[in-house]
Amino acid sequence: MTLRRQAIQRLKSLGFKYVTIGLQGLRSGAMNESLFDAEK
């Protein structure tokens, strides 16, 4: 079993319905990127 599958199963067993991962990690201001794209 892959690490990915193990992580998903464990988090779901703790009660989470959805499991997602941010491949770029936590970055300050990341949610604002789409605002700047819309202005172009």
C-alpha atoms as a PDB file:
ATOM      1  CA  MET A   1       0.000   0.000   0.000  1.00  0.00           C
ATOM      2  CA  THR A   2       1.330   3.420  -0.914  1.00  0.00           C
ATOM      3  CA  LEU A   3       1.985   6.175   1.599  1.00  0.00           C
ATOM      4  CA  ARG A   4      -0.697   8.213  -0.156  1.00  0.00           C
ATOM      5  CA  ARG A   5      -3.322   5.500   0.339  1.00  0.00           C
ATOM      6  CA  GLN A   6      -2.269   4.967   3.967  1.00  0.00           C
ATOM      7  CA  ALA A   7      -2.600   8.678   4.723  1.00  0.00           C
ATOM      8  CA  ILE A   8      -6.033   8.865   3.102  1.00  0.00           C
ATOM      9  CA  GLN A   9      -7.321   5.824   4.980  1.00  0.00           C
ATOM     10  CA  ARG A  10      -5.979   7.091   8.314  1.00  0.00           C
ATOM     11  CA  LEU A  11      -7.463  10.567   7.934  1.00  0.00           C
ATOM     12  CA  LYS A  12     -10.819   9.150   6.849  1.00  0.00           C
ATOM     13  CA  SER A  13     -10.785   6.805   9.848  1.00  0.00           C
ATOM     14  CA  LEU A  14     -10.441   9.926  12.027  1.00  0.00           C
ATOM     15  CA  GLY A  15     -13.668  11.297  10.549  1.00  0.00           C
ATOM     16  CA  PHE A  16     -12.523  13.454   7.654  1.00  0.00           C
ATOM     17  CA  LYS A  17     -14.802  13.126   4.614  1.00  0.00           C
ATOM     18  CA  TYR A  18     -12.385  14.664   2.129  1.00  0.00           C
ATOM     19  CA  VAL A  19      -8.592  14.571   2.056  1.00  0.00           C
ATOM     20  CA  THR A  20      -6.642  16.985  -0.127  1.00  0.00           C
ATOM     21  CA  ILE A  21      -3.042  18.120  -0.245  1.00  0.00           C
ATOM     22  CA  GLY A  22      -1.563  21.378  -1.439  1.00  0.00           C
ATOM     23  CA  LEU A  23       1.340  20.318  -3.625  1.00  0.00           C
ATOM     24  CA  GLN A  24       2.940  23.763  -3.400  1.00  0.00           C
ATOM     25  CA  GLY A  25       2.687  23.848   0.381  1.00  0.00           C
ATOM     26  CA  LEU A  26       1.424  26.656   2.590  1.00  0.00           C
ATOM     27  CA  ARG A  27       2.374  30.009   1.157  1.00  0.00           C
ATOM     28  CA  SER A  28       1.367  33.416   2.440  1.00  0.00           C
ATOM     29  CA  GLY A  29      -0.820  35.182  -0.128  1.00  0.00           C
ATOM     30  CA  ALA A  30      -1.427  32.066  -2.241  1.00  0.00           C
ATOM     31  CA  MET A  31      -5.196  32.634  -2.303  1.00  0.00           C
ATOM     32  CA  ASN A  32      -4.662  36.084  -3.832  1.00  0.00           C
ATOM     33  CA  GLU A  33      -2.954  34.675  -6.946  1.00  0.00           C
ATOM     34  CA  SER A  34      -6.282  34.089  -8.680  1.00  0.00           C
ATOM     35  CA  LEU A  35      -7.245  37.742  -8.072  1.00  0.00           C
ATOM     36  CA  PHE A  36      -4.179  38.944  -9.947  1.00  0.00           C
ATOM     37  CA  ASP A  37      -4.787  36.442 -12.780  1.00  0.00           C
ATOM     38  CA  ALA A  38      -8.340  37.789 -13.209  1.00  0.00           C
ATOM     39  CA  GLU A  39      -7.054  41.351 -13.620  1.00  0.00           C
ATOM     40  CA  LYS A  40      -4.831  40.447 -16.600  1.00  0.00           C
END
